[in-house]
Amino acid sequence: MTDGAHRPLRADARRNREKILTAAVRVFTTQGLDTQMERIAQEAGVGSATLYRNFPTREALVEAVYRNEVAHLCDAAPALLARQSPAEALRAWTRLFLDYVTAKYGMIDALRAIAATGDNPYGHSRELIQAAIGSLMDACAAAGAIRTDIGPTDLAAALEGIALTSAGAEHRQQAERLLDLTLDGLTVRP
């Protein structure tokens, strides 16, 4: 992570930035985007000046939170594959995808407003997520755990559909059942 002058952030500055992003996801998801920025600083355990030094506007914070959530989601794929079987890693990652979508929908109006100004908060997120899904599916296919006639774009579309209908916390159990149904449909049967 670098600041505007492209110098590396000190370790404490990186920690503060990460604490702010983590707190912002939690606060935006539970309390909405109209939450006072000072509430996010308090939740993160930093001063308001630290928050505004990192994110001078609400829009800058929302965009950074979104990009950070995408990065965490995509970075989870290789980490899960290192610890679990490919099929277990794919199943675990789909649960993380639900968490990501729940956070994203909590910020959707702000992300649309940012996009309306000409900035693209989504950037390459679709491609990054498709690549993460692809790596998980490739590992599953190599292990003989899933069908090979379904590609990452198909699974991404199914996950997005589940997320659209079941993104809220109140629908989490239904969403997980739909994920299980989708993943069971991918499974190779002896």
N, C-alpha and C. Protein backbone atom coordinates (compact mmCIF):
# COMPACT_ATOMS: atom_id res chain seq x y z
N MET A 1 0.85 -1.17 0.00
CA MET A 1 0.00 0.00 0.00
C MET A 1 0.89 1.23 0.00
N THR A 2 0.56 2.21 -0.78
CA THR A 2 1.35 3.43 -0.82
C THR A 2 0.46 4.63 -0.65
N ASP A 3 1.07 5.73 -0.26
CA ASP A 3 0.32 6.98 -0.15
C ASP A 3 0.37 7.70 -1.49
N GLY A 4 -0.16 8.93 -1.52
CA GLY A 4 -0.22 9.68 -2.75
C GLY A 4 1.14 9.94 -3.36
N ALA A 5 2.20 10.00 -2.57
CA ALA A 5 3.54 10.23 -3.09
C ALA A 5 4.22 8.92 -3.48
N HIS A 6 3.49 7.83 -3.42
CA HIS A 6 3.98 6.50 -3.80
C HIS A 6 5.09 5.98 -2.90
N ARG A 7 5.09 6.45 -1.68
CA ARG A 7 6.02 5.90 -0.70
C ARG A 7 5.32 4.78 0.03
N PRO A 8 6.05 3.73 0.40
CA PRO A 8 5.43 2.66 1.17
C PRO A 8 4.92 3.20 2.51
N LEU A 9 3.76 2.70 2.92
CA LEU A 9 3.23 3.09 4.23
C LEU A 9 4.02 2.39 5.33
N ARG A 10 4.18 3.10 6.44
CA ARG A 10 4.78 2.48 7.62
C ARG A 10 3.87 1.35 8.08
N ALA A 11 4.42 0.44 8.86
CA ALA A 11 3.64 -0.71 9.34
C ALA A 11 2.43 -0.26 10.14
N ASP A 12 2.59 0.76 11.01
CA ASP A 12 1.45 1.21 11.81
C ASP A 12 0.40 1.88 10.93
N ALA A 13 0.81 2.57 9.89
CA ALA A 13 -0.14 3.20 8.97
C ALA A 13 -0.91 2.14 8.18
N ARG A 14 -0.21 1.06 7.78
CA ARG A 14 -0.89 -0.05 7.09
C ARG A 14 -1.92 -0.70 8.01
N ARG A 15 -1.54 -0.91 9.27
CA ARG A 15 -2.47 -1.50 10.24
C ARG A 15 -3.69 -0.62 10.44
N ASN A 16 -3.46 0.68 10.58
CA ASN A 16 -4.58 1.61 10.75
C ASN A 16 -5.51 1.59 9.54
N ARG A 17 -4.92 1.59 8.37
CA ARG A 17 -5.72 1.55 7.14
C ARG A 17 -6.57 0.28 7.10
N GLU A 18 -5.96 -0.85 7.43
CA GLU A 18 -6.69 -2.12 7.43
C GLU A 18 -7.80 -2.12 8.49
N LYS A 19 -7.51 -1.56 9.66
CA LYS A 19 -8.54 -1.48 10.71
C LYS A 19 -9.72 -0.62 10.25
N ILE A 20 -9.42 0.46 9.55
CA ILE A 20 -10.49 1.33 9.05
C ILE A 20 -11.33 0.58 8.02
N LEU A 21 -10.68 -0.10 7.09
CA LEU A 21 -11.43 -0.83 6.06
C LEU A 21 -12.29 -1.93 6.67
N THR A 22 -11.75 -2.65 7.64
CA THR A 22 -12.50 -3.71 8.30
C THR A 22 -13.70 -3.14 9.05
N ALA A 23 -13.48 -2.07 9.77
CA ALA A 23 -14.58 -1.43 10.52
C ALA A 23 -15.63 -0.87 9.57
N ALA A 24 -15.19 -0.29 8.47
CA ALA A 24 -16.14 0.29 7.51
C ALA A 24 -17.05 -0.77 6.92
N VAL A 25 -16.52 -1.93 6.58
CA VAL A 25 -17.38 -3.01 6.08
C VAL A 25 -18.44 -3.35 7.11
N ARG A 26 -18.01 -3.53 8.32
CA ARG A 26 -18.93 -3.90 9.40
C ARG A 26 -19.99 -2.82 9.61
N VAL A 27 -19.58 -1.58 9.67
CA VAL A 27 -20.50 -0.48 9.93
C VAL A 27 -21.43 -0.25 8.73
N PHE A 28 -20.88 -0.23 7.52
CA PHE A 28 -21.72 -0.01 6.34
C PHE A 28 -22.74 -1.13 6.19
N THR A 29 -22.34 -2.36 6.47
CA THR A 29 -23.24 -3.50 6.32
C THR A 29 -24.35 -3.48 7.35
N THR A 30 -24.02 -3.11 8.58
CA THR A 30 -25.03 -3.17 9.65
C THR A 30 -25.80 -1.87 9.83
N GLN A 31 -25.16 -0.73 9.56
CA GLN A 31 -25.80 0.55 9.85
C GLN A 31 -26.08 1.41 8.62
N GLY A 32 -25.61 0.99 7.47
CA GLY A 32 -25.86 1.74 6.25
C GLY A 32 -24.78 2.76 5.95
N LEU A 33 -24.86 3.29 4.75
CA LEU A 33 -23.84 4.22 4.27
C LEU A 33 -23.94 5.61 4.86
N ASP A 34 -25.08 5.94 5.45
CA ASP A 34 -25.25 7.27 6.03
C ASP A 34 -24.60 7.41 7.40
N THR A 35 -24.01 6.34 7.87
CA THR A 35 -23.33 6.36 9.16
C THR A 35 -22.26 7.44 9.16
N GLN A 36 -22.13 8.12 10.27
CA GLN A 36 -21.11 9.16 10.41
C GLN A 36 -19.72 8.54 10.28
N MET A 37 -18.85 9.25 9.59
CA MET A 37 -17.48 8.77 9.42
C MET A 37 -16.79 8.62 10.77
N GLU A 38 -17.13 9.46 11.72
CA GLU A 38 -16.54 9.38 13.05
C GLU A 38 -16.89 8.05 13.72
N ARG A 39 -18.06 7.51 13.41
CA ARG A 39 -18.47 6.21 13.95
C ARG A 39 -17.53 5.11 13.44
N ILE A 40 -17.15 5.22 12.19
CA ILE A 40 -16.22 4.24 11.61
C ILE A 40 -14.85 4.36 12.26
N ALA A 41 -14.39 5.59 12.46
CA ALA A 41 -13.10 5.80 13.13
C ALA A 41 -13.13 5.21 14.53
N GLN A 42 -14.21 5.46 15.25
CA GLN A 42 -14.35 4.93 16.61
C GLN A 42 -14.34 3.40 16.58
N GLU A 43 -15.09 2.81 15.67
CA GLU A 43 -15.15 1.35 15.54
C GLU A 43 -13.77 0.77 15.21
N ALA A 44 -13.00 1.52 14.42
CA ALA A 44 -11.66 1.07 14.03
C ALA A 44 -10.62 1.31 15.12
N GLY A 45 -10.98 2.14 16.10
CA GLY A 45 -10.02 2.46 17.16
C GLY A 45 -8.96 3.45 16.73
N VAL A 46 -9.32 4.33 15.79
CA VAL A 46 -8.39 5.36 15.32
C VAL A 46 -9.08 6.72 15.45
N GLY A 47 -8.31 7.76 15.36
CA GLY A 47 -8.88 9.10 15.40
C GLY A 47 -9.48 9.50 14.06
N SER A 48 -10.35 10.48 14.09
CA SER A 48 -10.97 10.97 12.86
C SER A 48 -9.92 11.48 11.87
N ALA A 49 -8.87 12.12 12.38
CA ALA A 49 -7.82 12.63 11.50
C ALA A 49 -7.15 11.49 10.73
N THR A 50 -6.95 10.36 11.39
CA THR A 50 -6.34 9.20 10.72
C THR A 50 -7.26 8.68 9.63
N LEU A 51 -8.55 8.62 9.93
CA LEU A 51 -9.52 8.18 8.93
C LEU A 51 -9.48 9.10 7.72
N TYR A 52 -9.58 10.41 7.94
CA TYR A 52 -9.63 11.36 6.82
C TYR A 52 -8.29 11.48 6.09
N ARG A 53 -7.19 11.22 6.76
CA ARG A 53 -5.89 11.22 6.10
C ARG A 53 -5.83 10.08 5.08
N ASN A 54 -6.42 8.94 5.44
CA ASN A 54 -6.44 7.79 4.54
C ASN A 54 -7.53 7.90 3.49
N PHE A 55 -8.69 8.43 3.89
CA PHE A 55 -9.86 8.47 3.03
C PHE A 55 -10.53 9.84 3.17
N PRO A 56 -10.13 10.79 2.34
CA PRO A 56 -10.61 12.16 2.51
C PRO A 56 -12.12 12.33 2.30
N THR A 57 -12.75 11.39 1.59
CA THR A 57 -14.20 11.47 1.35
C THR A 57 -14.84 10.12 1.63
N ARG A 58 -16.14 10.15 1.84
CA ARG A 58 -16.91 8.91 2.01
C ARG A 58 -16.77 8.04 0.76
N GLU A 59 -16.81 8.67 -0.40
CA GLU A 59 -16.71 7.93 -1.66
C GLU A 59 -15.37 7.22 -1.76
N ALA A 60 -14.31 7.87 -1.34
CA ALA A 60 -12.98 7.24 -1.36
C ALA A 60 -12.95 6.03 -0.44
N LEU A 61 -13.59 6.15 0.72
CA LEU A 61 -13.65 5.03 1.65
C LEU A 61 -14.47 3.89 1.09
N VAL A 62 -15.64 4.20 0.52
CA VAL A 62 -16.51 3.15 -0.04
C VAL A 62 -15.77 2.41 -1.16
N GLU A 63 -15.13 3.14 -2.04
CA GLU A 63 -14.40 2.50 -3.14
C GLU A 63 -13.26 1.64 -2.62
N ALA A 64 -12.52 2.13 -1.63
CA ALA A 64 -11.43 1.35 -1.05
C ALA A 64 -11.95 0.10 -0.36
N VAL A 65 -13.07 0.22 0.34
CA VAL A 65 -13.67 -0.94 1.00
C VAL A 65 -14.04 -1.98 -0.04
N TYR A 66 -14.69 -1.54 -1.11
CA TYR A 66 -15.10 -2.48 -2.15
C TYR A 66 -13.89 -3.19 -2.75
N ARG A 67 -12.88 -2.43 -3.13
CA ARG A 67 -11.69 -3.05 -3.74
C ARG A 67 -10.98 -3.99 -2.76
N ASN A 68 -10.98 -3.62 -1.50
CA ASN A 68 -10.37 -4.46 -0.47
C ASN A 68 -11.14 -5.78 -0.31
N GLU A 69 -12.46 -5.69 -0.33
CA GLU A 69 -13.28 -6.90 -0.22
C GLU A 69 -13.04 -7.83 -1.41
N VAL A 70 -12.94 -7.28 -2.61
CA VAL A 70 -12.64 -8.09 -3.79
C VAL A 70 -11.28 -8.77 -3.62
N ALA A 71 -10.29 -8.01 -3.18
CA ALA A 71 -8.94 -8.57 -2.99
C ALA A 71 -8.95 -9.69 -1.96
N HIS A 72 -9.64 -9.49 -0.83
CA HIS A 72 -9.71 -10.54 0.19
C HIS A 72 -10.38 -11.80 -0.36
N LEU A 73 -11.46 -11.60 -1.10
CA LEU A 73 -12.18 -12.74 -1.68
C LEU A 73 -11.28 -13.52 -2.64
N CYS A 74 -10.62 -12.81 -3.52
CA CYS A 74 -9.78 -13.48 -4.51
C CYS A 74 -8.53 -14.10 -3.90
N ASP A 75 -7.95 -13.43 -2.91
CA ASP A 75 -6.77 -13.96 -2.22
C ASP A 75 -7.10 -15.22 -1.42
N ALA A 76 -8.36 -15.39 -1.08
CA ALA A 76 -8.76 -16.56 -0.29
C ALA A 76 -8.66 -17.86 -1.09
N ALA A 77 -8.82 -17.80 -2.40
CA ALA A 77 -8.83 -19.02 -3.20
C ALA A 77 -7.53 -19.84 -3.03
N PRO A 78 -6.35 -19.28 -3.29
CA PRO A 78 -5.14 -20.09 -3.11
C PRO A 78 -4.91 -20.50 -1.65
N ALA A 79 -5.29 -19.65 -0.72
CA ALA A 79 -5.12 -19.99 0.69
C ALA A 79 -6.00 -21.18 1.06
N LEU A 80 -7.23 -21.21 0.59
CA LEU A 80 -8.12 -22.33 0.87
C LEU A 80 -7.60 -23.60 0.21
N LEU A 81 -7.13 -23.49 -1.03
CA LEU A 81 -6.60 -24.66 -1.73
C LEU A 81 -5.37 -25.24 -1.03
N ALA A 82 -4.61 -24.39 -0.36
CA ALA A 82 -3.42 -24.86 0.36
C ALA A 82 -3.79 -25.65 1.61
N ARG A 83 -4.97 -25.39 2.17
CA ARG A 83 -5.36 -26.01 3.44
C ARG A 83 -6.40 -27.11 3.32
N GLN A 84 -7.14 -27.14 2.22
CA GLN A 84 -8.27 -28.06 2.10
C GLN A 84 -8.22 -28.79 0.77
N SER A 85 -9.05 -29.82 0.68
CA SER A 85 -9.20 -30.48 -0.62
C SER A 85 -9.83 -29.47 -1.58
N PRO A 86 -9.65 -29.66 -2.89
CA PRO A 86 -10.23 -28.71 -3.84
C PRO A 86 -11.75 -28.54 -3.67
N ALA A 87 -12.47 -29.63 -3.47
CA ALA A 87 -13.92 -29.53 -3.31
C ALA A 87 -14.30 -28.76 -2.05
N GLU A 88 -13.58 -29.01 -0.95
CA GLU A 88 -13.85 -28.27 0.29
C GLU A 88 -13.48 -26.81 0.13
N ALA A 89 -12.39 -26.53 -0.58
CA ALA A 89 -11.97 -25.15 -0.80
C ALA A 89 -13.02 -24.40 -1.63
N LEU A 90 -13.53 -25.04 -2.67
CA LEU A 90 -14.57 -24.41 -3.49
C LEU A 90 -15.81 -24.11 -2.65
N ARG A 91 -16.23 -25.08 -1.86
CA ARG A 91 -17.41 -24.89 -1.01
C ARG A 91 -17.18 -23.74 -0.02
N ALA A 92 -16.03 -23.71 0.61
CA ALA A 92 -15.72 -22.64 1.57
C ALA A 92 -15.67 -21.28 0.86
N TRP A 93 -15.10 -21.25 -0.33
CA TRP A 93 -14.98 -19.99 -1.06
C TRP A 93 -16.36 -19.45 -1.43
N THR A 94 -17.30 -20.32 -1.78
CA THR A 94 -18.64 -19.83 -2.13
C THR A 94 -19.30 -19.15 -0.93
N ARG A 95 -19.00 -19.61 0.28
CA ARG A 95 -19.52 -18.94 1.48
C ARG A 95 -18.90 -17.55 1.64
N LEU A 96 -17.61 -17.44 1.33
CA LEU A 96 -16.95 -16.14 1.37
C LEU A 96 -17.53 -15.21 0.30
N PHE A 97 -17.92 -15.80 -0.83
CA PHE A 97 -18.55 -15.01 -1.89
C PHE A 97 -19.86 -14.40 -1.38
N LEU A 98 -20.63 -15.16 -0.63
CA LEU A 98 -21.86 -14.62 -0.04
C LEU A 98 -21.56 -13.45 0.90
N ASP A 99 -20.52 -13.59 1.71
CA ASP A 99 -20.12 -12.50 2.61
C ASP A 99 -19.76 -11.25 1.80
N TYR A 100 -19.02 -11.45 0.73
CA TYR A 100 -18.62 -10.35 -0.14
C TYR A 100 -19.84 -9.66 -0.73
N VAL A 101 -20.79 -10.45 -1.24
CA VAL A 101 -21.97 -9.86 -1.86
C VAL A 101 -22.82 -9.13 -0.83
N THR A 102 -22.93 -9.67 0.36
CA THR A 102 -23.69 -8.99 1.41
C THR A 102 -23.08 -7.62 1.70
N ALA A 103 -21.76 -7.56 1.79
CA ALA A 103 -21.09 -6.27 2.01
C ALA A 103 -21.28 -5.35 0.81
N LYS A 104 -21.18 -5.91 -0.38
CA LYS A 104 -21.32 -5.10 -1.60
C LYS A 104 -22.72 -4.49 -1.67
N TYR A 105 -23.74 -5.27 -1.37
CA TYR A 105 -25.10 -4.74 -1.46
C TYR A 105 -25.36 -3.68 -0.41
N GLY A 106 -24.64 -3.74 0.69
CA GLY A 106 -24.76 -2.69 1.67
C GLY A 106 -24.21 -1.36 1.17
N MET A 107 -23.38 -1.43 0.12
CA MET A 107 -22.74 -0.24 -0.42
C MET A 107 -23.17 0.07 -1.85
N ILE A 108 -24.15 -0.66 -2.37
CA ILE A 108 -24.47 -0.59 -3.80
C ILE A 108 -24.85 0.81 -4.27
N ASP A 109 -25.64 1.54 -3.48
CA ASP A 109 -26.03 2.88 -3.90
C ASP A 109 -24.82 3.80 -4.01
N ALA A 110 -23.92 3.70 -3.06
CA ALA A 110 -22.71 4.53 -3.10
C ALA A 110 -21.82 4.13 -4.27
N LEU A 111 -21.70 2.85 -4.55
CA LEU A 111 -20.89 2.40 -5.68
C LEU A 111 -21.49 2.90 -6.99
N ARG A 112 -22.81 2.87 -7.10
CA ARG A 112 -23.47 3.40 -8.31
C ARG A 112 -23.22 4.90 -8.44
N ALA A 113 -23.29 5.62 -7.33
CA ALA A 113 -23.04 7.07 -7.36
C ALA A 113 -21.62 7.36 -7.81
N ILE A 114 -20.67 6.57 -7.34
CA ILE A 114 -19.27 6.74 -7.75
C ILE A 114 -19.14 6.46 -9.24
N ALA A 115 -19.79 5.40 -9.72
CA ALA A 115 -19.74 5.05 -11.14
C ALA A 115 -20.37 6.15 -11.99
N ALA A 116 -21.41 6.81 -11.48
CA ALA A 116 -22.08 7.88 -12.22
C ALA A 116 -21.19 9.09 -12.42
N THR A 117 -20.16 9.24 -11.57
CA THR A 117 -19.24 10.38 -11.72
C THR A 117 -18.17 10.09 -12.77
N GLY A 118 -18.16 8.88 -13.31
CA GLY A 118 -17.18 8.52 -14.32
C GLY A 118 -16.09 7.61 -13.80
N ASP A 119 -15.96 7.51 -12.48
CA ASP A 119 -15.00 6.57 -11.91
C ASP A 119 -15.59 5.17 -12.00
N ASN A 120 -14.75 4.17 -12.06
CA ASN A 120 -15.23 2.81 -12.13
C ASN A 120 -14.75 2.04 -10.91
N PRO A 121 -15.58 2.00 -9.86
CA PRO A 121 -15.14 1.28 -8.66
C PRO A 121 -15.01 -0.22 -8.89
N TYR A 122 -15.69 -0.70 -9.92
CA TYR A 122 -15.66 -2.14 -10.18
C TYR A 122 -14.39 -2.58 -10.87
N GLY A 123 -13.77 -1.67 -11.63
CA GLY A 123 -12.49 -1.96 -12.27
C GLY A 123 -12.47 -3.34 -12.90
N HIS A 124 -11.55 -4.12 -12.45
CA HIS A 124 -11.38 -5.48 -12.98
C HIS A 124 -11.92 -6.52 -12.03
N SER A 125 -12.85 -6.15 -11.17
CA SER A 125 -13.31 -7.09 -10.14
C SER A 125 -13.92 -8.35 -10.75
N ARG A 126 -14.71 -8.21 -11.81
CA ARG A 126 -15.32 -9.40 -12.42
C ARG A 126 -14.25 -10.37 -12.91
N GLU A 127 -13.22 -9.84 -13.56
CA GLU A 127 -12.16 -10.70 -14.07
C GLU A 127 -11.38 -11.36 -12.92
N LEU A 128 -11.13 -10.60 -11.86
CA LEU A 128 -10.42 -11.16 -10.71
C LEU A 128 -11.23 -12.28 -10.05
N ILE A 129 -12.52 -12.05 -9.90
CA ILE A 129 -13.38 -13.08 -9.28
C ILE A 129 -13.48 -14.30 -10.18
N GLN A 130 -13.62 -14.08 -11.49
CA GLN A 130 -13.67 -15.22 -12.44
C GLN A 130 -12.36 -16.03 -12.38
N ALA A 131 -11.24 -15.35 -12.25
CA ALA A 131 -9.95 -16.04 -12.15
C ALA A 131 -9.88 -16.87 -10.87
N ALA A 132 -10.39 -16.34 -9.77
CA ALA A 132 -10.40 -17.09 -8.51
C ALA A 132 -11.28 -18.33 -8.65
N ILE A 133 -12.47 -18.15 -9.22
CA ILE A 133 -13.37 -19.29 -9.43
C ILE A 133 -12.69 -20.31 -10.35
N GLY A 134 -12.05 -19.80 -11.40
CA GLY A 134 -11.37 -20.70 -12.34
C GLY A 134 -10.29 -21.53 -11.68
N SER A 135 -9.51 -20.91 -10.80
CA SER A 135 -8.44 -21.67 -10.13
C SER A 135 -9.03 -22.76 -9.23
N LEU A 136 -10.11 -22.44 -8.55
CA LEU A 136 -10.77 -23.43 -7.70
C LEU A 136 -11.36 -24.56 -8.53
N MET A 137 -12.03 -24.19 -9.62
CA MET A 137 -12.63 -25.21 -10.49
C MET A 137 -11.58 -26.08 -11.17
N ASP A 138 -10.47 -25.47 -11.59
CA ASP A 138 -9.39 -26.24 -12.21
C ASP A 138 -8.84 -27.27 -11.24
N ALA A 139 -8.66 -26.87 -9.99
CA ALA A 139 -8.16 -27.80 -8.97
C ALA A 139 -9.17 -28.92 -8.74
N CYS A 140 -10.45 -28.57 -8.69
CA CYS A 140 -11.49 -29.59 -8.50
C CYS A 140 -11.54 -30.55 -9.69
N ALA A 141 -11.44 -30.01 -10.90
CA ALA A 141 -11.46 -30.85 -12.10
C ALA A 141 -10.25 -31.78 -12.13
N ALA A 142 -9.08 -31.26 -11.77
CA ALA A 142 -7.87 -32.08 -11.74
C ALA A 142 -7.99 -33.21 -10.72
N ALA A 143 -8.74 -32.97 -9.66
CA ALA A 143 -8.96 -34.00 -8.63
C ALA A 143 -10.11 -34.93 -9.00
N GLY A 144 -10.76 -34.66 -10.13
CA GLY A 144 -11.90 -35.48 -10.54
C GLY A 144 -13.14 -35.26 -9.69
N ALA A 145 -13.22 -34.10 -9.04
CA ALA A 145 -14.31 -33.84 -8.11
C ALA A 145 -15.51 -33.15 -8.74
N ILE A 146 -15.30 -32.47 -9.88
CA ILE A 146 -16.43 -31.79 -10.52
C ILE A 146 -16.47 -32.07 -12.01
N ARG A 147 -17.62 -31.82 -12.58
CA ARG A 147 -17.81 -31.94 -14.02
C ARG A 147 -16.92 -30.92 -14.73
N THR A 148 -16.52 -31.24 -15.94
CA THR A 148 -15.66 -30.33 -16.69
C THR A 148 -16.42 -29.59 -17.79
N ASP A 149 -17.71 -29.86 -17.91
CA ASP A 149 -18.50 -29.18 -18.94
C ASP A 149 -19.11 -27.87 -18.46
N ILE A 150 -18.85 -27.53 -17.23
CA ILE A 150 -19.31 -26.26 -16.65
C ILE A 150 -18.07 -25.40 -16.41
N GLY A 151 -18.12 -24.17 -16.89
CA GLY A 151 -16.96 -23.29 -16.75
C GLY A 151 -17.14 -22.25 -15.66
N PRO A 152 -16.09 -21.50 -15.39
CA PRO A 152 -16.14 -20.46 -14.36
C PRO A 152 -17.23 -19.42 -14.60
N THR A 153 -17.46 -19.06 -15.86
CA THR A 153 -18.51 -18.06 -16.12
C THR A 153 -19.89 -18.61 -15.76
N ASP A 154 -20.10 -19.93 -15.98
CA ASP A 154 -21.38 -20.54 -15.60
C ASP A 154 -21.55 -20.53 -14.09
N LEU A 155 -20.52 -20.95 -13.38
CA LEU A 155 -20.62 -20.97 -11.92
C LEU A 155 -20.74 -19.55 -11.37
N ALA A 156 -20.02 -18.61 -11.94
CA ALA A 156 -20.13 -17.21 -11.49
C ALA A 156 -21.56 -16.70 -11.67
N ALA A 157 -22.18 -17.04 -12.79
CA ALA A 157 -23.56 -16.61 -13.03
C ALA A 157 -24.50 -17.24 -12.00
N ALA A 158 -24.29 -18.51 -11.68
CA ALA A 158 -25.12 -19.17 -10.67
C ALA A 158 -24.93 -18.52 -9.30
N LEU A 159 -23.67 -18.24 -8.94
CA LEU A 159 -23.39 -17.60 -7.65
C LEU A 159 -24.00 -16.21 -7.58
N GLU A 160 -23.90 -15.47 -8.68
CA GLU A 160 -24.50 -14.13 -8.70
C GLU A 160 -26.01 -14.20 -8.56
N GLY A 161 -26.63 -15.20 -9.23
CA GLY A 161 -28.08 -15.37 -9.11
C GLY A 161 -28.50 -15.69 -7.69
N ILE A 162 -27.76 -16.58 -7.05
CA ILE A 162 -28.05 -16.91 -5.65
C ILE A 162 -27.89 -15.67 -4.79
N ALA A 163 -26.83 -14.94 -5.03
CA ALA A 163 -26.56 -13.74 -4.24
C ALA A 163 -27.65 -12.69 -4.44
N LEU A 164 -28.12 -12.53 -5.67
CA LEU A 164 -29.16 -11.53 -5.94
C LEU A 164 -30.45 -11.84 -5.20
N THR A 165 -30.77 -13.11 -5.08
CA THR A 165 -32.02 -13.48 -4.43
C THR A 165 -31.88 -13.69 -2.93
N SER A 166 -30.66 -13.88 -2.46
CA SER A 166 -30.48 -14.26 -1.06
C SER A 166 -29.32 -13.54 -0.38
N ALA A 167 -29.02 -12.32 -0.77
CA ALA A 167 -27.83 -11.64 -0.25
C ALA A 167 -27.94 -11.21 1.20
N GLY A 168 -29.11 -10.86 1.67
CA GLY A 168 -29.24 -10.35 3.02
C GLY A 168 -28.99 -11.41 4.08
N ALA A 169 -28.57 -10.95 5.24
CA ALA A 169 -28.27 -11.86 6.35
C ALA A 169 -29.50 -12.70 6.71
N GLU A 170 -30.68 -12.11 6.55
CA GLU A 170 -31.91 -12.85 6.88
C GLU A 170 -32.18 -14.01 5.93
N HIS A 171 -31.49 -14.03 4.79
CA HIS A 171 -31.67 -15.10 3.81
C HIS A 171 -30.45 -16.03 3.73
N ARG A 172 -29.56 -15.92 4.69
CA ARG A 172 -28.30 -16.66 4.62
C ARG A 172 -28.51 -18.17 4.53
N GLN A 173 -29.41 -18.73 5.33
CA GLN A 173 -29.61 -20.18 5.31
C GLN A 173 -30.12 -20.64 3.95
N GLN A 174 -31.04 -19.88 3.37
CA GLN A 174 -31.52 -20.22 2.04
C GLN A 174 -30.38 -20.15 1.02
N ALA A 175 -29.58 -19.11 1.10
CA ALA A 175 -28.47 -18.96 0.18
C ALA A 175 -27.50 -20.14 0.29
N GLU A 176 -27.22 -20.58 1.50
CA GLU A 176 -26.31 -21.72 1.67
C GLU A 176 -26.92 -23.00 1.11
N ARG A 177 -28.22 -23.17 1.26
CA ARG A 177 -28.87 -24.35 0.66
C ARG A 177 -28.77 -24.30 -0.86
N LEU A 178 -28.97 -23.12 -1.43
CA LEU A 178 -28.85 -22.97 -2.88
C LEU A 178 -27.42 -23.20 -3.35
N LEU A 179 -26.45 -22.75 -2.57
CA LEU A 179 -25.05 -23.02 -2.90
C LEU A 179 -24.78 -24.53 -2.89
N ASP A 180 -25.28 -25.21 -1.86
CA ASP A 180 -25.09 -26.67 -1.78
C ASP A 180 -25.72 -27.36 -2.99
N LEU A 181 -26.92 -26.92 -3.36
CA LEU A 181 -27.60 -27.50 -4.52
C LEU A 181 -26.78 -27.29 -5.78
N THR A 182 -26.25 -26.08 -5.96
CA THR A 182 -25.43 -25.77 -7.13
C THR A 182 -24.15 -26.60 -7.15
N LEU A 183 -23.47 -26.66 -6.02
CA LEU A 183 -22.21 -27.41 -5.96
C LEU A 183 -22.46 -28.90 -6.11
N ASP A 184 -23.55 -29.40 -5.56
CA ASP A 184 -23.88 -30.82 -5.74
C ASP A 184 -24.13 -31.12 -7.21
N GLY A 185 -24.69 -30.15 -7.94
CA GLY A 185 -24.91 -30.33 -9.37
C GLY A 185 -23.61 -30.38 -10.16
N LEU A 186 -22.55 -29.83 -9.62
CA LEU A 186 -21.23 -29.87 -10.26
C LEU A 186 -20.46 -31.16 -9.98
N THR A 187 -20.85 -31.82 -8.90
CA THR A 187 -20.10 -32.98 -8.42
C THR A 187 -20.18 -34.15 -9.39
N VAL A 188 -19.04 -34.77 -9.60
CA VAL A 188 -18.98 -35.98 -10.44
C VAL A 188 -19.47 -37.14 -9.59
N ARG A 189 -20.40 -37.87 -10.12
CA ARG A 189 -20.96 -39.04 -9.42
C ARG A 189 -20.34 -40.32 -9.98
N PRO A 190 -19.93 -41.23 -9.09
CA PRO A 190 -19.32 -42.48 -9.57
C PRO A 190 -20.34 -43.37 -10.27
